[in-house]
Amino acid sequence: MLRRPSPQPVTLDAQALVDELNRRLRADPAWREDTRFVVASGDGSVAAPTWQGPDSMKPVVARIVKSVIGEFEAEQPFLFDR
């Protein structure tokens, strides 16, 4: 059987990726209102996607970020440890 090659990931800017991650987060049964994905920029650096919330939500955040690998990619890497 011939397999089709995987489609190339869609490149998104940081805000578009954050919007998609927040959409998936809000749809997740583990979602808490005090957790969200955001665009971090400071010290004149390039904007990068990251998250805000309690450390107890790290596993949920990691699962959601992993779910978009191969489907989307950001211009800047995701900043997991904020």
PDB file of N, CA and C in Angstrom:
ATOM      1  N   MET A   1       0.823  -1.178   0.000  1.00  0.00           N
ATOM      2  CA  MET A   1       0.000   0.000   0.000  1.00  0.00           C
ATOM      3  C   MET A   1       0.876   1.255   0.000  1.00  0.00           C
ATOM      4  N   LEU A   2       0.573   2.168  -0.850  1.00  0.00           N
ATOM      5  CA  LEU A   2       1.314   3.426  -0.898  1.00  0.00           C
ATOM      6  C   LEU A   2       0.736   4.397   0.114  1.00  0.00           C
ATOM      7  N   ARG A   3       1.625   5.049   0.806  1.00  0.00           N
ATOM      8  CA  ARG A   3       1.183   6.047   1.773  1.00  0.00           C
ATOM      9  C   ARG A   3       1.461   7.424   1.217  1.00  0.00           C
ATOM     10  N   ARG A   4       0.533   8.298   1.458  1.00  0.00           N
ATOM     11  CA  ARG A   4       0.715   9.690   1.049  1.00  0.00           C
ATOM     12  C   ARG A   4       1.664  10.364   2.023  1.00  0.00           C
ATOM     13  N   PRO A   5       2.507  11.236   1.508  1.00  0.00           N
ATOM     14  CA  PRO A   5       3.374  11.971   2.435  1.00  0.00           C
ATOM     15  C   PRO A   5       2.538  12.884   3.323  1.00  0.00           C
ATOM     16  N   SER A   6       3.011  13.087   4.523  1.00  0.00           N
ATOM     17  CA  SER A   6       2.311  13.978   5.451  1.00  0.00           C
ATOM     18  C   SER A   6       2.301  15.387   4.882  1.00  0.00           C
ATOM     19  N   PRO A   7       1.183  16.088   5.051  1.00  0.00           N
ATOM     20  CA  PRO A   7       1.162  17.473   4.577  1.00  0.00           C
ATOM     21  C   PRO A   7       2.131  18.326   5.392  1.00  0.00           C
ATOM     22  N   GLN A   8       2.661  19.333   4.759  1.00  0.00           N
ATOM     23  CA  GLN A   8       3.560  20.251   5.457  1.00  0.00           C
ATOM     24  C   GLN A   8       2.757  21.050   6.485  1.00  0.00           C
ATOM     25  N   PRO A   9       3.348  21.315   7.658  1.00  0.00           N
ATOM     26  CA  PRO A   9       2.640  22.118   8.657  1.00  0.00           C
ATOM     27  C   PRO A   9       2.404  23.539   8.142  1.00  0.00           C
ATOM     28  N   VAL A  10       1.297  24.099   8.543  1.00  0.00           N
ATOM     29  CA  VAL A  10       0.950  25.465   8.189  1.00  0.00           C
ATOM     30  C   VAL A  10       1.699  26.407   9.130  1.00  0.00           C
ATOM     31  N   THR A  11       2.434  27.347   8.575  1.00  0.00           N
ATOM     32  CA  THR A  11       3.166  28.316   9.398  1.00  0.00           C
ATOM     33  C   THR A  11       2.227  29.452   9.795  1.00  0.00           C
ATOM     34  N   LEU A  12       2.158  29.702  11.096  1.00  0.00           N
ATOM     35  CA  LEU A  12       1.303  30.760  11.629  1.00  0.00           C
ATOM     36  C   LEU A  12       2.153  31.767  12.385  1.00  0.00           C
ATOM     37  N   ASP A  13       1.687  33.012  12.410  1.00  0.00           N
ATOM     38  CA  ASP A  13       2.365  33.967  13.278  1.00  0.00           C
ATOM     39  C   ASP A  13       1.965  33.647  14.721  1.00  0.00           C
ATOM     40  N   ALA A  14       2.653  34.259  15.667  1.00  0.00           N
ATOM     41  CA  ALA A  14       2.444  33.924  17.077  1.00  0.00           C
ATOM     42  C   ALA A  14       0.994  34.121  17.502  1.00  0.00           C
ATOM     43  N   GLN A  15       0.348  35.204  17.089  1.00  0.00           N
ATOM     44  CA  GLN A  15      -1.031  35.468  17.513  1.00  0.00           C
ATOM     45  C   GLN A  15      -1.995  34.441  16.932  1.00  0.00           C
ATOM     46  N   ALA A  16      -1.822  34.056  15.695  1.00  0.00           N
ATOM     47  CA  ALA A  16      -2.708  33.058  15.086  1.00  0.00           C
ATOM     48  C   ALA A  16      -2.550  31.705  15.774  1.00  0.00           C
ATOM     49  N   LEU A  17      -1.320  31.335  16.129  1.00  0.00           N
ATOM     50  CA  LEU A  17      -1.111  30.079  16.841  1.00  0.00           C
ATOM     51  C   LEU A  17      -1.748  30.141  18.225  1.00  0.00           C
ATOM     52  N   VAL A  18      -1.579  31.252  18.925  1.00  0.00           N
ATOM     53  CA  VAL A  18      -2.188  31.421  20.247  1.00  0.00           C
ATOM     54  C   VAL A  18      -3.710  31.328  20.143  1.00  0.00           C
ATOM     55  N   ASP A  19      -4.294  31.918  19.125  1.00  0.00           N
ATOM     56  CA  ASP A  19      -5.752  31.836  18.942  1.00  0.00           C
ATOM     57  C   ASP A  19      -6.196  30.379  18.781  1.00  0.00           C
ATOM     58  N   GLU A  20      -5.464  29.600  17.985  1.00  0.00           N
ATOM     59  CA  GLU A  20      -5.800  28.196  17.780  1.00  0.00           C
ATOM     60  C   GLU A  20      -5.611  27.396  19.073  1.00  0.00           C
ATOM     61  N   LEU A  21      -4.517  27.638  19.792  1.00  0.00           N
ATOM     62  CA  LEU A  21      -4.283  26.935  21.043  1.00  0.00           C
ATOM     63  C   LEU A  21      -5.365  27.265  22.077  1.00  0.00           C
ATOM     64  N   ASN A  22      -5.779  28.522  22.156  1.00  0.00           N
ATOM     65  CA  ASN A  22      -6.846  28.904  23.091  1.00  0.00           C
ATOM     66  C   ASN A  22      -8.175  28.259  22.709  1.00  0.00           C
ATOM     67  N   ARG A  23      -8.439  28.136  21.422  1.00  0.00           N
ATOM     68  CA  ARG A  23      -9.666  27.473  20.967  1.00  0.00           C
ATOM     69  C   ARG A  23      -9.669  26.022  21.456  1.00  0.00           C
ATOM     70  N   ARG A  24      -8.541  25.353  21.290  1.00  0.00           N
ATOM     71  CA  ARG A  24      -8.441  23.957  21.736  1.00  0.00           C
ATOM     72  C   ARG A  24      -8.477  23.848  23.259  1.00  0.00           C
ATOM     73  N   LEU A  25      -7.867  24.804  23.938  1.00  0.00           N
ATOM     74  CA  LEU A  25      -7.880  24.803  25.401  1.00  0.00           C
ATOM     75  C   LEU A  25      -9.298  24.949  25.928  1.00  0.00           C
ATOM     76  N   ARG A  26     -10.059  25.888  25.394  1.00  0.00           N
ATOM     77  CA  ARG A  26     -11.434  26.100  25.863  1.00  0.00           C
ATOM     78  C   ARG A  26     -12.325  24.891  25.587  1.00  0.00           C
ATOM     79  N   ALA A  27     -12.005  24.110  24.567  1.00  0.00           N
ATOM     80  CA  ALA A  27     -12.782  22.912  24.246  1.00  0.00           C
ATOM     81  C   ALA A  27     -12.380  21.715  25.110  1.00  0.00           C
ATOM     82  N   ASP A  28     -11.278  21.819  25.823  1.00  0.00           N
ATOM     83  CA  ASP A  28     -10.770  20.715  26.628  1.00  0.00           C
ATOM     84  C   ASP A  28     -11.531  20.637  27.953  1.00  0.00           C
ATOM     85  N   PRO A  29     -11.908  19.430  28.398  1.00  0.00           N
ATOM     86  CA  PRO A  29     -12.645  19.314  29.663  1.00  0.00           C
ATOM     87  C   PRO A  29     -11.837  19.752  30.890  1.00  0.00           C
ATOM     88  N   ALA A  30     -10.515  19.812  30.789  1.00  0.00           N
ATOM     89  CA  ALA A  30      -9.678  20.220  31.918  1.00  0.00           C
ATOM     90  C   ALA A  30      -9.474  21.735  31.972  1.00  0.00           C
ATOM     91  N   TRP A  31     -10.074  22.489  31.058  1.00  0.00           N
ATOM     92  CA  TRP A  31      -9.864  23.933  30.990  1.00  0.00           C
ATOM     93  C   TRP A  31     -10.300  24.627  32.269  1.00  0.00           C
ATOM     94  N   ARG A  32      -9.471  25.579  32.692  1.00  0.00           N
ATOM     95  CA  ARG A  32      -9.779  26.458  33.817  1.00  0.00           C
ATOM     96  C   ARG A  32      -9.675  27.890  33.317  1.00  0.00           C
ATOM     97  N   GLU A  33     -10.541  28.755  33.825  1.00  0.00           N
ATOM     98  CA  GLU A  33     -10.581  30.144  33.356  1.00  0.00           C
ATOM     99  C   GLU A  33      -9.296  30.915  33.626  1.00  0.00           C
ATOM    100  N   ASP A  34      -8.479  30.450  34.561  1.00  0.00           N
ATOM    101  CA  ASP A  34      -7.249  31.174  34.886  1.00  0.00           C
ATOM    102  C   ASP A  34      -6.055  30.715  34.041  1.00  0.00           C
ATOM    103  N   THR A  35      -6.315  29.936  33.005  1.00  0.00           N
ATOM    104  CA  THR A  35      -5.251  29.440  32.133  1.00  0.00           C
ATOM    105  C   THR A  35      -5.540  29.877  30.712  1.00  0.00           C
ATOM    106  N   ARG A  36      -4.499  30.389  30.046  1.00  0.00           N
ATOM    107  CA  ARG A  36      -4.662  30.800  28.653  1.00  0.00           C
ATOM    108  C   ARG A  36      -3.311  30.868  27.972  1.00  0.00           C
ATOM    109  N   PHE A  37      -3.353  30.797  26.662  1.00  0.00           N
ATOM    110  CA  PHE A  37      -2.159  30.982  25.846  1.00  0.00           C
ATOM    111  C   PHE A  37      -2.075  32.455  25.490  1.00  0.00           C
ATOM    112  N   VAL A  38      -0.857  32.992  25.446  1.00  0.00           N
ATOM    113  CA  VAL A  38      -0.638  34.409  25.169  1.00  0.00           C
ATOM    114  C   VAL A  38       0.589  34.578  24.274  1.00  0.00           C
ATOM    115  N   VAL A  39       0.737  35.773  23.739  1.00  0.00           N
ATOM    116  CA  VAL A  39       1.932  36.131  22.977  1.00  0.00           C
ATOM    117  C   VAL A  39       2.826  36.945  23.901  1.00  0.00           C
ATOM    118  N   ALA A  40       4.039  36.467  24.088  1.00  0.00           N
ATOM    119  CA  ALA A  40       4.996  37.154  24.957  1.00  0.00           C
ATOM    120  C   ALA A  40       5.960  37.953  24.099  1.00  0.00           C
ATOM    121  N   SER A  41       6.158  39.190  24.466  1.00  0.00           N
ATOM    122  CA  SER A  41       7.169  40.008  23.800  1.00  0.00           C
ATOM    123  C   SER A  41       7.684  40.993  24.829  1.00  0.00           C
ATOM    124  N   GLY A  42       8.943  41.151  24.817  1.00  0.00           N
ATOM    125  CA  GLY A  42       9.542  42.067  25.767  1.00  0.00           C
ATOM    126  C   GLY A  42      11.023  42.199  25.479  1.00  0.00           C
ATOM    127  N   ASP A  43      11.631  43.170  26.031  1.00  0.00           N
ATOM    128  CA  ASP A  43      13.056  43.422  25.832  1.00  0.00           C
ATOM    129  C   ASP A  43      13.408  43.558  24.359  1.00  0.00           C
ATOM    130  N   GLY A  44      12.461  44.003  23.553  1.00  0.00           N
ATOM    131  CA  GLY A  44      12.720  44.177  22.128  1.00  0.00           C
ATOM    132  C   GLY A  44      12.821  42.872  21.356  1.00  0.00           C
ATOM    133  N   SER A  45      12.460  41.751  22.011  1.00  0.00           N
ATOM    134  CA  SER A  45      12.553  40.465  21.326  1.00  0.00           C
ATOM    135  C   SER A  45      11.334  40.226  20.443  1.00  0.00           C
ATOM    136  N   VAL A  46      11.446  39.221  19.618  1.00  0.00           N
ATOM    137  CA  VAL A  46      10.361  38.851  18.723  1.00  0.00           C
ATOM    138  C   VAL A  46       9.247  38.200  19.537  1.00  0.00           C
ATOM    139  N   ALA A  47       8.003  38.424  19.137  1.00  0.00           N
ATOM    140  CA  ALA A  47       6.863  37.846  19.830  1.00  0.00           C
ATOM    141  C   ALA A  47       6.880  36.328  19.707  1.00  0.00           C
ATOM    142  N   ALA A  48       6.610  35.649  20.826  1.00  0.00           N
ATOM    143  CA  ALA A  48       6.599  34.190  20.845  1.00  0.00           C
ATOM    144  C   ALA A  48       5.390  33.707  21.634  1.00  0.00           C
ATOM    145  N   PRO A  49       4.815  32.578  21.240  1.00  0.00           N
ATOM    146  CA  PRO A  49       3.681  32.038  21.986  1.00  0.00           C
ATOM    147  C   PRO A  49       4.135  31.407  23.296  1.00  0.00           C
ATOM    148  N   THR A  50       3.340  31.605  24.338  1.00  0.00           N
ATOM    149  CA  THR A  50       3.592  30.995  25.642  1.00  0.00           C
ATOM    150  C   THR A  50       2.250  30.841  26.342  1.00  0.00           C
ATOM    151  N   TRP A  51       2.255  30.635  27.634  1.00  0.00           N
ATOM    152  CA  TRP A  51       0.998  30.461  28.359  1.00  0.00           C
ATOM    153  C   TRP A  51       1.077  31.095  29.732  1.00  0.00           C
ATOM    154  N   GLN A  52      -0.108  31.305  30.333  1.00  0.00           N
ATOM    155  CA  GLN A  52      -0.235  31.840  31.689  1.00  0.00           C
ATOM    156  C   GLN A  52      -1.206  30.947  32.448  1.00  0.00           C
ATOM    157  N   GLY A  53      -0.916  30.731  33.701  1.00  0.00           N
ATOM    158  CA  GLY A  53      -1.812  29.933  34.530  1.00  0.00           C
ATOM    159  C   GLY A  53      -1.029  29.221  35.607  1.00  0.00           C
ATOM    160  N   PRO A  54      -1.742  28.470  36.439  1.00  0.00           N
ATOM    161  CA  PRO A  54      -1.080  27.754  37.532  1.00  0.00           C
ATOM    162  C   PRO A  54      -0.239  26.587  37.002  1.00  0.00           C
ATOM    163  N   ASP A  55       0.812  26.262  37.734  1.00  0.00           N
ATOM    164  CA  ASP A  55       1.683  25.159  37.335  1.00  0.00           C
ATOM    165  C   ASP A  55       0.940  23.833  37.231  1.00  0.00           C
ATOM    166  N   SER A  56      -0.152  23.689  37.938  1.00  0.00           N
ATOM    167  CA  SER A  56      -0.923  22.448  37.878  1.00  0.00           C
ATOM    168  C   SER A  56      -1.498  22.196  36.481  1.00  0.00           C
ATOM    169  N   MET A  57      -1.534  23.227  35.648  1.00  0.00           N
ATOM    170  CA  MET A  57      -2.077  23.093  34.289  1.00  0.00           C
ATOM    171  C   MET A  57      -1.002  22.737  33.260  1.00  0.00           C
ATOM    172  N   LYS A  58       0.261  22.596  33.688  1.00  0.00           N
ATOM    173  CA  LYS A  58       1.341  22.269  32.748  1.00  0.00           C
ATOM    174  C   LYS A  58       1.042  21.027  31.908  1.00  0.00           C
ATOM    175  N   PRO A  59       0.540  19.943  32.496  1.00  0.00           N
ATOM    176  CA  PRO A  59       0.262  18.767  31.665  1.00  0.00           C
ATOM    177  C   PRO A  59      -0.789  19.031  30.578  1.00  0.00           C
ATOM    178  N   VAL A  60      -1.792  19.822  30.898  1.00  0.00           N
ATOM    179  CA  VAL A  60      -2.834  20.147  29.917  1.00  0.00           C
ATOM    180  C   VAL A  60      -2.244  21.012  28.812  1.00  0.00           C
ATOM    181  N   VAL A  61      -1.462  22.005  29.191  1.00  0.00           N
ATOM    182  CA  VAL A  61      -0.814  22.891  28.221  1.00  0.00           C
ATOM    183  C   VAL A  61       0.095  22.072  27.308  1.00  0.00           C
ATOM    184  N   ALA A  62       0.901  21.194  27.882  1.00  0.00           N
ATOM    185  CA  ALA A  62       1.814  20.371  27.089  1.00  0.00           C
ATOM    186  C   ALA A  62       1.037  19.485  26.118  1.00  0.00           C
ATOM    187  N   ARG A  63      -0.047  18.893  26.568  1.00  0.00           N
ATOM    188  CA  ARG A  63      -0.851  18.027  25.694  1.00  0.00           C
ATOM    189  C   ARG A  63      -1.435  18.803  24.524  1.00  0.00           C
ATOM    190  N   ILE A  64      -1.912  20.007  24.790  1.00  0.00           N
ATOM    191  CA  ILE A  64      -2.515  20.809  23.720  1.00  0.00           C
ATOM    192  C   ILE A  64      -1.453  21.280  22.737  1.00  0.00           C
ATOM    193  N   VAL A  65      -0.306  21.709  23.230  1.00  0.00           N
ATOM    194  CA  VAL A  65       0.774  22.143  22.334  1.00  0.00           C
ATOM    195  C   VAL A  65       1.241  20.969  21.482  1.00  0.00           C
ATOM    196  N   LYS A  66       1.392  19.803  22.086  1.00  0.00           N
ATOM    197  CA  LYS A  66       1.807  18.618  21.325  1.00  0.00           C
ATOM    198  C   LYS A  66       0.781  18.247  20.264  1.00  0.00           C
ATOM    199  N   SER A  67      -0.485  18.540  20.508  1.00  0.00           N
ATOM    200  CA  SER A  67      -1.532  18.174  19.554  1.00  0.00           C
ATOM    201  C   SER A  67      -1.448  18.952  18.244  1.00  0.00           C
ATOM    202  N   VAL A  68      -0.761  20.084  18.243  1.00  0.00           N
ATOM    203  CA  VAL A  68      -0.668  20.880  17.014  1.00  0.00           C
ATOM    204  C   VAL A  68       0.640  20.656  16.260  1.00  0.00           C
ATOM    205  N   ILE A  69       1.560  19.878  16.866  1.00  0.00           N
ATOM    206  CA  ILE A  69       2.836  19.603  16.197  1.00  0.00           C
ATOM    207  C   ILE A  69       2.561  18.816  14.924  1.00  0.00           C
ATOM    208  N   GLY A  70       3.126  19.253  13.846  1.00  0.00           N
ATOM    209  CA  GLY A  70       2.913  18.621  12.554  1.00  0.00           C
ATOM    210  C   GLY A  70       1.760  19.233  11.782  1.00  0.00           C
ATOM    211  N   GLU A  71       0.820  19.847  12.495  1.00  0.00           N
ATOM    212  CA  GLU A  71      -0.308  20.518  11.858  1.00  0.00           C
ATOM    213  C   GLU A  71      -0.001  22.003  11.641  1.00  0.00           C
ATOM    214  N   PHE A  72       0.576  22.615  12.672  1.00  0.00           N
ATOM    215  CA  PHE A  72       0.942  24.024  12.626  1.00  0.00           C
ATOM    216  C   PHE A  72       2.362  24.191  13.135  1.00  0.00           C
ATOM    217  N   GLU A  73       3.004  25.250  12.695  1.00  0.00           N
ATOM    218  CA  GLU A  73       4.284  25.643  13.270  1.00  0.00           C
ATOM    219  C   GLU A  73       4.306  27.158  13.363  1.00  0.00           C
ATOM    220  N   ALA A  74       5.008  27.642  14.373  1.00  0.00           N
ATOM    221  CA  ALA A  74       5.074  29.086  14.603  1.00  0.00           C
ATOM    222  C   ALA A  74       6.388  29.627  14.073  1.00  0.00           C
ATOM    223  N   GLU A  75       6.382  30.915  13.804  1.00  0.00           N
ATOM    224  CA  GLU A  75       7.609  31.569  13.368  1.00  0.00           C
ATOM    225  C   GLU A  75       8.657  31.523  14.483  1.00  0.00           C
ATOM    226  N   GLN A  76       8.193  31.524  15.727  1.00  0.00           N
ATOM    227  CA  GLN A  76       9.069  31.451  16.899  1.00  0.00           C
ATOM    228  C   GLN A  76       8.674  30.232  17.718  1.00  0.00           C
ATOM    229  N   PRO A  77       9.613  29.589  18.395  1.00  0.00           N
ATOM    230  CA  PRO A  77       9.255  28.405  19.195  1.00  0.00           C
ATOM    231  C   PRO A  77       8.362  28.755  20.372  1.00  0.00           C
ATOM    232  N   PHE A  78       7.579  27.794  20.790  1.00  0.00           N
ATOM    233  CA  PHE A  78       6.703  27.960  21.934  1.00  0.00           C
ATOM    234  C   PHE A  78       7.548  28.028  23.203  1.00  0.00           C
ATOM    235  N   LEU A  79       7.289  29.000  24.049  1.00  0.00           N
ATOM    236  CA  LEU A  79       8.021  29.171  25.315  1.00  0.00           C
ATOM    237  C   LEU A  79       7.248  28.478  26.428  1.00  0.00           C
ATOM    238  N   PHE A  80       7.598  27.221  26.681  1.00  0.00           N
ATOM    239  CA  PHE A  80       6.869  26.459  27.691  1.00  0.00           C
ATOM    240  C   PHE A  80       7.189  26.941  29.099  1.00  0.00           C
ATOM    241  N   ASP A  81       8.475  27.114  29.395  1.00  0.00           N
ATOM    242  CA  ASP A  81       8.873  27.606  30.713  1.00  0.00           C
ATOM    243  C   ASP A  81       8.935  29.125  30.671  1.00  0.00           C
ATOM    244  N   ARG A  82       7.924  29.725  31.206  1.00  0.00           N
ATOM    245  CA  ARG A  82       7.795  31.180  31.122  1.00  0.00           C
ATOM    246  C   ARG A  82       8.505  31.872  32.225  1.00  0.00           C
TER     247      ARG A  82
END
